Amino acid sequence: MKRKKSEKSAFTLIELLVVIAIIGLLATIVLVVLNSARAKARDSRRWSDMNEISKAMFLYYDSKNPNIFPDLPTNQNQIVAGDARLSPFLATVPIDPGSGNYFWKDRIAGASATCFCVYVQLEAGSGWAVANPNGVKKVTANPNSGNCCTQ
């Protein structure tokens, strides 16, 4: 028996729903992977910013006589965008891509002006990026809870 021209083969509703479900599952997996990559990219930016802040601190230190690092007021623990303390060594203070702020630990009582500590919490994995006279490195303990200059 011959088919009429009006009869066409088509996908069933079940087949279409299965394909849509598979596409949805794949899209979810891709979004999860992309969010992880975004967090790593923000952390990479934080590391770069910490290195720039550290270099500016040392340039500031070398330009002063006697050699001292800049200090922030004791009631302020965030490095605010537009802060001119590191000018001309750092044209603009970078803004953290997540929270918007990098943090400054004020020198503890009796600490010399030859110490600085700037830190930010990392997203991908646990820990903190810390810039101090010993360099820029990752620590697991919150830098605000101890002597950040020696970490």
N, C-alpha and C. Protein backbone atom coordinates (compact mmCIF):
# COMPACT_ATOMS: atom_id res chain seq x y z
N MET A 1 0.83 -1.17 0.00
CA MET A 1 0.00 0.00 0.00
C MET A 1 0.88 1.24 0.00
N LYS A 2 0.55 2.16 -0.80
CA LYS A 2 1.34 3.37 -0.92
C LYS A 2 0.84 4.41 0.07
N ARG A 3 1.81 5.20 0.58
CA ARG A 3 1.45 6.30 1.48
C ARG A 3 0.93 7.48 0.69
N LYS A 4 0.06 8.19 1.32
CA LYS A 4 -0.43 9.40 0.70
C LYS A 4 0.59 10.51 0.93
N LYS A 5 0.58 11.48 0.09
CA LYS A 5 1.54 12.57 0.21
C LYS A 5 1.31 13.38 1.48
N SER A 6 0.15 13.39 2.04
CA SER A 6 -0.14 14.18 3.23
C SER A 6 0.45 13.55 4.50
N GLU A 7 0.76 12.26 4.50
CA GLU A 7 1.34 11.62 5.67
C GLU A 7 2.84 11.86 5.67
N LYS A 8 3.34 12.43 6.79
CA LYS A 8 4.77 12.72 6.92
C LYS A 8 5.30 12.03 8.16
N SER A 9 6.55 11.61 8.11
CA SER A 9 7.13 11.04 9.33
C SER A 9 7.61 12.19 10.21
N ALA A 10 7.42 12.06 11.51
CA ALA A 10 7.78 13.14 12.45
C ALA A 10 8.28 12.52 13.74
N PHE A 11 8.90 13.38 14.58
CA PHE A 11 9.35 12.93 15.89
C PHE A 11 8.15 12.85 16.83
N THR A 12 8.21 11.89 17.72
CA THR A 12 7.14 11.79 18.70
C THR A 12 7.40 12.78 19.84
N LEU A 13 6.41 13.01 20.62
CA LEU A 13 6.52 13.93 21.74
C LEU A 13 7.57 13.43 22.74
N ILE A 14 7.61 12.16 22.98
CA ILE A 14 8.59 11.58 23.91
C ILE A 14 10.01 11.84 23.41
N GLU A 15 10.25 11.62 22.14
CA GLU A 15 11.59 11.85 21.58
C GLU A 15 12.01 13.31 21.75
N LEU A 16 11.10 14.23 21.49
CA LEU A 16 11.41 15.66 21.65
C LEU A 16 11.71 16.00 23.11
N LEU A 17 10.95 15.47 24.05
CA LEU A 17 11.18 15.74 25.47
C LEU A 17 12.52 15.19 25.93
N VAL A 18 12.90 14.01 25.44
CA VAL A 18 14.21 13.43 25.80
C VAL A 18 15.34 14.31 25.29
N VAL A 19 15.24 14.78 24.07
CA VAL A 19 16.28 15.66 23.51
C VAL A 19 16.36 16.97 24.29
N ILE A 20 15.24 17.56 24.65
CA ILE A 20 15.24 18.81 25.42
C ILE A 20 15.85 18.59 26.80
N ALA A 21 15.55 17.46 27.42
CA ALA A 21 16.12 17.15 28.74
C ALA A 21 17.64 16.99 28.65
N ILE A 22 18.13 16.34 27.62
CA ILE A 22 19.57 16.16 27.45
C ILE A 22 20.25 17.51 27.22
N ILE A 23 19.67 18.37 26.41
CA ILE A 23 20.24 19.71 26.17
C ILE A 23 20.26 20.51 27.47
N GLY A 24 19.21 20.43 28.26
CA GLY A 24 19.17 21.12 29.55
C GLY A 24 20.25 20.64 30.50
N LEU A 25 20.46 19.33 30.55
CA LEU A 25 21.50 18.75 31.40
C LEU A 25 22.89 19.21 30.97
N LEU A 26 23.15 19.21 29.68
CA LEU A 26 24.44 19.67 29.17
C LEU A 26 24.66 21.16 29.45
N ALA A 27 23.62 21.96 29.32
CA ALA A 27 23.74 23.39 29.61
C ALA A 27 24.05 23.62 31.08
N THR A 28 23.46 22.85 31.97
CA THR A 28 23.73 22.97 33.40
C THR A 28 25.18 22.64 33.70
N ILE A 29 25.69 21.58 33.11
CA ILE A 29 27.09 21.19 33.33
C ILE A 29 28.03 22.28 32.84
N VAL A 30 27.76 22.86 31.69
CA VAL A 30 28.60 23.92 31.15
C VAL A 30 28.59 25.14 32.07
N LEU A 31 27.44 25.51 32.60
CA LEU A 31 27.37 26.67 33.49
C LEU A 31 28.16 26.44 34.78
N VAL A 32 28.13 25.25 35.32
CA VAL A 32 28.89 24.93 36.53
C VAL A 32 30.38 25.06 36.26
N VAL A 33 30.82 24.55 35.13
CA VAL A 33 32.24 24.64 34.77
C VAL A 33 32.64 26.09 34.55
N LEU A 34 31.80 26.87 33.91
CA LEU A 34 32.11 28.28 33.67
C LEU A 34 32.19 29.08 34.96
N ASN A 35 31.33 28.80 35.93
CA ASN A 35 31.40 29.51 37.21
C ASN A 35 32.71 29.23 37.92
N SER A 36 33.20 28.02 37.85
CA SER A 36 34.49 27.68 38.44
C SER A 36 35.60 28.44 37.73
N ALA A 37 35.53 28.52 36.43
CA ALA A 37 36.55 29.25 35.66
C ALA A 37 36.50 30.74 35.98
N ARG A 38 35.32 31.28 36.18
CA ARG A 38 35.20 32.70 36.54
C ARG A 38 35.84 32.98 37.90
N ALA A 39 35.62 32.10 38.86
CA ALA A 39 36.22 32.28 40.19
C ALA A 39 37.75 32.23 40.08
N LYS A 40 38.27 31.33 39.28
CA LYS A 40 39.72 31.25 39.09
C LYS A 40 40.25 32.50 38.40
N ALA A 41 39.49 33.04 37.46
CA ALA A 41 39.91 34.27 36.78
C ALA A 41 39.93 35.45 37.74
N ARG A 42 38.93 35.54 38.63
CA ARG A 42 38.92 36.63 39.62
C ARG A 42 40.10 36.48 40.58
N ASP A 43 40.43 35.24 40.97
CA ASP A 43 41.58 35.02 41.84
C ASP A 43 42.89 35.40 41.14
N SER A 44 42.97 35.11 39.86
CA SER A 44 44.16 35.50 39.09
C SER A 44 44.31 37.02 39.07
N ARG A 45 43.21 37.71 38.91
CA ARG A 45 43.22 39.18 38.95
C ARG A 45 43.65 39.67 40.33
N ARG A 46 43.18 39.01 41.39
CA ARG A 46 43.57 39.39 42.75
C ARG A 46 45.08 39.23 42.95
N TRP A 47 45.65 38.11 42.46
CA TRP A 47 47.10 37.90 42.59
C TRP A 47 47.86 39.00 41.87
N SER A 48 47.41 39.35 40.67
CA SER A 48 48.06 40.41 39.90
C SER A 48 47.98 41.74 40.64
N ASP A 49 46.80 42.06 41.17
CA ASP A 49 46.63 43.31 41.92
C ASP A 49 47.51 43.33 43.16
N MET A 50 47.60 42.22 43.87
CA MET A 50 48.43 42.17 45.07
C MET A 50 49.90 42.40 44.73
N ASN A 51 50.35 41.85 43.60
CA ASN A 51 51.72 42.09 43.17
C ASN A 51 51.95 43.57 42.85
N GLU A 52 50.98 44.21 42.20
CA GLU A 52 51.10 45.63 41.87
C GLU A 52 51.13 46.49 43.14
N ILE A 53 50.26 46.18 44.09
CA ILE A 53 50.23 46.92 45.35
C ILE A 53 51.55 46.74 46.09
N SER A 54 52.06 45.52 46.10
CA SER A 54 53.32 45.24 46.78
C SER A 54 54.47 46.03 46.15
N LYS A 55 54.53 46.05 44.83
CA LYS A 55 55.58 46.81 44.14
C LYS A 55 55.47 48.30 44.46
N ALA A 56 54.24 48.81 44.47
CA ALA A 56 54.04 50.23 44.79
C ALA A 56 54.47 50.53 46.22
N MET A 57 54.20 49.62 47.14
CA MET A 57 54.62 49.81 48.53
C MET A 57 56.14 49.91 48.63
N PHE A 58 56.84 49.02 47.93
CA PHE A 58 58.29 49.05 47.99
C PHE A 58 58.86 50.29 47.30
N LEU A 59 58.25 50.73 46.21
CA LEU A 59 58.69 51.98 45.57
C LEU A 59 58.48 53.16 46.51
N TYR A 60 57.36 53.19 47.20
CA TYR A 60 57.09 54.23 48.18
C TYR A 60 58.16 54.18 49.28
N TYR A 61 58.42 52.99 49.77
CA TYR A 61 59.41 52.78 50.84
C TYR A 61 60.78 53.31 50.43
N ASP A 62 61.19 52.99 49.21
CA ASP A 62 62.50 53.42 48.73
C ASP A 62 62.58 54.92 48.50
N SER A 63 61.43 55.57 48.28
CA SER A 63 61.45 57.01 47.99
C SER A 63 61.46 57.87 49.25
N LYS A 64 61.22 57.30 50.41
CA LYS A 64 61.13 58.07 51.65
C LYS A 64 62.45 58.00 52.42
N ASN A 65 62.72 59.07 53.12
CA ASN A 65 63.90 59.11 53.98
C ASN A 65 63.46 59.64 55.34
N PRO A 66 63.40 58.89 56.38
CA PRO A 66 63.81 57.50 56.49
C PRO A 66 62.82 56.58 55.78
N ASN A 67 63.29 55.39 55.46
CA ASN A 67 62.47 54.43 54.73
C ASN A 67 61.31 53.95 55.59
N ILE A 68 60.10 54.24 55.13
CA ILE A 68 58.88 53.78 55.81
C ILE A 68 57.84 53.40 54.77
N PHE A 69 56.93 52.53 55.15
CA PHE A 69 55.80 52.20 54.30
C PHE A 69 54.65 53.15 54.65
N PRO A 70 53.74 53.40 53.70
CA PRO A 70 52.59 54.26 54.02
C PRO A 70 51.70 53.60 55.05
N ASP A 71 50.95 54.41 55.76
CA ASP A 71 50.04 53.88 56.77
C ASP A 71 48.64 54.42 56.50
N LEU A 72 47.67 53.66 56.89
CA LEU A 72 46.28 54.09 56.78
C LEU A 72 45.78 54.50 58.15
N PRO A 73 44.76 55.33 58.21
CA PRO A 73 44.19 55.66 59.52
C PRO A 73 43.75 54.39 60.23
N THR A 74 43.83 54.38 61.54
CA THR A 74 43.51 53.17 62.30
C THR A 74 42.04 52.78 62.19
N ASN A 75 41.17 53.71 61.80
CA ASN A 75 39.75 53.38 61.70
C ASN A 75 39.37 52.91 60.30
N GLN A 76 40.34 52.75 59.43
CA GLN A 76 40.04 52.35 58.06
C GLN A 76 40.87 51.11 57.72
N ASN A 77 40.22 50.02 57.37
CA ASN A 77 40.98 48.83 57.05
C ASN A 77 40.81 48.40 55.60
N GLN A 78 40.18 49.24 54.78
CA GLN A 78 40.04 48.92 53.37
C GLN A 78 40.84 49.91 52.54
N ILE A 79 41.48 49.39 51.52
CA ILE A 79 42.15 50.28 50.58
C ILE A 79 41.06 50.75 49.62
N VAL A 80 40.80 52.02 49.63
CA VAL A 80 39.69 52.57 48.86
C VAL A 80 40.19 53.01 47.50
N ALA A 81 39.40 52.74 46.47
CA ALA A 81 39.76 53.18 45.12
C ALA A 81 39.94 54.69 45.13
N GLY A 82 41.01 55.15 44.52
CA GLY A 82 41.30 56.57 44.48
C GLY A 82 42.20 57.03 45.61
N ASP A 83 42.58 56.13 46.51
CA ASP A 83 43.50 56.47 47.60
C ASP A 83 44.81 56.94 46.99
N ALA A 84 45.28 58.10 47.40
CA ALA A 84 46.46 58.71 46.79
C ALA A 84 47.75 58.41 47.54
N ARG A 85 47.71 57.61 48.57
CA ARG A 85 48.92 57.34 49.36
C ARG A 85 50.04 56.70 48.56
N LEU A 86 49.71 55.91 47.56
CA LEU A 86 50.73 55.23 46.77
C LEU A 86 51.04 55.95 45.46
N SER A 87 50.48 57.12 45.28
CA SER A 87 50.76 57.91 44.09
C SER A 87 52.18 58.47 44.19
N PRO A 88 52.93 58.52 43.18
CA PRO A 88 52.72 58.21 41.76
C PRO A 88 53.06 56.76 41.40
N PHE A 89 53.32 55.92 42.37
CA PHE A 89 53.79 54.55 42.09
C PHE A 89 52.66 53.62 41.66
N LEU A 90 51.46 53.96 42.04
CA LEU A 90 50.29 53.19 41.64
C LEU A 90 49.22 54.21 41.27
N ALA A 91 48.98 54.35 39.97
CA ALA A 91 48.09 55.41 39.49
C ALA A 91 46.70 55.31 40.11
N THR A 92 46.11 54.13 40.07
CA THR A 92 44.81 53.94 40.71
C THR A 92 44.87 52.67 41.54
N VAL A 93 44.29 52.73 42.70
CA VAL A 93 44.24 51.56 43.56
C VAL A 93 43.28 50.57 42.92
N PRO A 94 43.71 49.33 42.68
CA PRO A 94 42.82 48.37 42.04
C PRO A 94 41.62 48.03 42.91
N ILE A 95 40.55 47.62 42.26
CA ILE A 95 39.32 47.22 42.95
C ILE A 95 39.20 45.71 42.84
N ASP A 96 38.94 45.06 43.96
CA ASP A 96 38.78 43.61 43.97
C ASP A 96 37.60 43.25 43.07
N PRO A 97 37.78 42.27 42.17
CA PRO A 97 36.69 41.92 41.25
C PRO A 97 35.47 41.29 41.93
N GLY A 98 35.60 40.87 43.17
CA GLY A 98 34.46 40.26 43.87
C GLY A 98 33.82 41.25 44.82
N SER A 99 34.46 41.47 45.96
CA SER A 99 33.88 42.32 47.00
C SER A 99 34.10 43.80 46.74
N GLY A 100 35.09 44.12 45.92
CA GLY A 100 35.37 45.53 45.63
C GLY A 100 36.48 46.11 46.49
N ASN A 101 36.96 45.39 47.50
CA ASN A 101 37.96 45.96 48.41
C ASN A 101 39.12 45.02 48.68
N TYR A 102 40.29 45.63 48.79
CA TYR A 102 41.45 44.94 49.35
C TYR A 102 41.60 45.47 50.76
N PHE A 103 42.11 44.66 51.65
CA PHE A 103 42.16 45.06 53.05
C PHE A 103 43.59 45.32 53.51
N TRP A 104 43.72 46.27 54.38
CA TRP A 104 44.98 46.70 54.95
C TRP A 104 44.94 46.38 56.42
N LYS A 105 45.95 45.71 56.92
CA LYS A 105 46.02 45.48 58.36
C LYS A 105 46.91 46.55 58.94
N ASP A 106 46.34 47.35 59.82
CA ASP A 106 47.10 48.42 60.44
C ASP A 106 48.23 47.82 61.27
N ARG A 107 49.32 48.52 61.33
CA ARG A 107 50.46 48.03 62.11
C ARG A 107 50.04 47.84 63.56
N ILE A 108 50.45 46.73 64.13
CA ILE A 108 50.12 46.46 65.52
C ILE A 108 50.98 47.34 66.42
N ALA A 109 50.55 47.52 67.63
CA ALA A 109 51.27 48.39 68.56
C ALA A 109 52.73 47.97 68.67
N GLY A 110 53.60 48.93 68.52
CA GLY A 110 55.03 48.68 68.65
C GLY A 110 55.68 48.20 67.36
N ALA A 111 54.91 47.93 66.31
CA ALA A 111 55.51 47.49 65.05
C ALA A 111 56.14 48.67 64.36
N SER A 112 57.21 48.41 63.67
CA SER A 112 57.91 49.49 63.00
C SER A 112 57.21 49.87 61.70
N ALA A 113 57.61 50.98 61.15
CA ALA A 113 57.04 51.43 59.89
C ALA A 113 57.68 50.70 58.72
N THR A 114 58.41 49.65 59.00
CA THR A 114 59.03 48.86 57.94
C THR A 114 58.20 47.62 57.64
N CYS A 115 56.93 47.69 57.94
CA CYS A 115 56.03 46.57 57.72
C CYS A 115 54.75 47.07 57.05
N PHE A 116 54.20 46.25 56.18
CA PHE A 116 52.87 46.51 55.63
C PHE A 116 52.20 45.16 55.41
N CYS A 117 50.89 45.17 55.36
CA CYS A 117 50.14 43.94 55.11
C CYS A 117 48.85 44.29 54.39
N VAL A 118 48.72 43.80 53.18
CA VAL A 118 47.51 43.96 52.39
C VAL A 118 47.03 42.55 52.07
N TYR A 119 45.73 42.31 52.19
CA TYR A 119 45.23 40.96 51.95
C TYR A 119 43.83 40.97 51.35
N VAL A 120 43.48 39.83 50.77
CA VAL A 120 42.17 39.64 50.17
C VAL A 120 41.85 38.15 50.23
N GLN A 121 40.57 37.83 50.41
CA GLN A 121 40.16 36.43 50.45
C GLN A 121 40.01 35.90 49.03
N LEU A 122 40.51 34.69 48.80
CA LEU A 122 40.41 34.04 47.50
C LEU A 122 39.11 33.25 47.39
N GLU A 123 38.64 33.07 46.18
CA GLU A 123 37.39 32.33 45.97
C GLU A 123 37.65 30.86 45.66
N ALA A 124 38.49 30.59 44.67
CA ALA A 124 38.73 29.21 44.23
C ALA A 124 39.65 28.53 45.24
N GLY A 125 39.09 27.64 46.01
CA GLY A 125 39.87 27.03 47.09
C GLY A 125 39.82 27.96 48.29
N SER A 126 40.28 27.48 49.40
CA SER A 126 40.24 28.34 50.58
C SER A 126 41.57 29.03 50.75
N GLY A 127 41.53 30.16 51.42
CA GLY A 127 42.77 30.86 51.71
C GLY A 127 42.70 32.34 51.43
N TRP A 128 43.81 32.97 51.67
CA TRP A 128 43.94 34.41 51.52
C TRP A 128 45.21 34.71 50.74
N ALA A 129 45.17 35.73 49.91
CA ALA A 129 46.39 36.24 49.26
C ALA A 129 46.88 37.38 50.13
N VAL A 130 48.14 37.32 50.54
CA VAL A 130 48.71 38.30 51.46
C VAL A 130 49.96 38.91 50.83
N ALA A 131 50.02 40.23 50.84
CA ALA A 131 51.22 40.95 50.40
C ALA A 131 51.81 41.61 51.63
N ASN A 132 53.08 41.32 51.92
CA ASN A 132 53.79 41.95 53.02
C ASN A 132 55.26 42.04 52.64
N PRO A 133 56.14 42.55 53.51
CA PRO A 133 57.55 42.66 53.11
C PRO A 133 58.20 41.34 52.72
N ASN A 134 57.60 40.22 53.07
CA ASN A 134 58.15 38.91 52.70
C ASN A 134 57.69 38.45 51.33
N GLY A 135 56.86 39.23 50.65
CA GLY A 135 56.37 38.89 49.32
C GLY A 135 54.87 38.69 49.30
N VAL A 136 54.39 38.18 48.18
CA VAL A 136 52.97 37.90 48.01
C VAL A 136 52.81 36.39 48.06
N LYS A 137 51.94 35.92 48.94
CA LYS A 137 51.78 34.47 49.08
C LYS A 137 50.37 34.13 49.56
N LYS A 138 50.09 32.83 49.54
CA LYS A 138 48.78 32.34 49.99
C LYS A 138 48.94 31.81 51.41
N VAL A 139 47.99 32.19 52.26
CA VAL A 139 47.95 31.67 53.63
C VAL A 139 46.55 31.12 53.89
N THR A 140 46.45 30.20 54.86
CA THR A 140 45.14 29.62 55.16
C THR A 140 44.44 30.34 56.30
N ALA A 141 45.20 30.95 57.21
CA ALA A 141 44.59 31.66 58.35
C ALA A 141 44.25 33.09 57.95
N ASN A 142 43.18 33.61 58.52
CA ASN A 142 42.79 34.98 58.27
C ASN A 142 43.90 35.92 58.72
N PRO A 143 44.46 36.74 57.80
CA PRO A 143 45.57 37.62 58.18
C PRO A 143 45.20 38.66 59.22
N ASN A 144 43.92 38.94 59.38
CA ASN A 144 43.50 39.95 60.35
C ASN A 144 43.58 39.43 61.78
N SER A 145 43.78 38.12 61.95
CA SER A 145 43.75 37.55 63.30
C SER A 145 45.14 37.44 63.95
N GLY A 146 46.19 37.76 63.22
CA GLY A 146 47.54 37.66 63.79
C GLY A 146 48.45 38.73 63.25
N ASN A 147 49.74 38.52 63.40
CA ASN A 147 50.70 39.48 62.89
C ASN A 147 50.93 39.18 61.40
N CYS A 148 50.26 39.92 60.59
CA CYS A 148 50.28 39.71 59.15
C CYS A 148 51.66 39.98 58.54
N CYS A 149 52.46 40.81 59.19
CA CYS A 149 53.76 41.18 58.64
C CYS A 149 54.74 40.02 58.64
N THR A 150 54.51 39.02 59.47
CA THR A 150 55.45 37.91 59.56
C THR A 150 54.95 36.65 58.89
N GLN A 151 53.76 36.67 58.29
CA GLN A 151 53.22 35.46 57.67
C GLN A 151 53.93 35.16 56.38
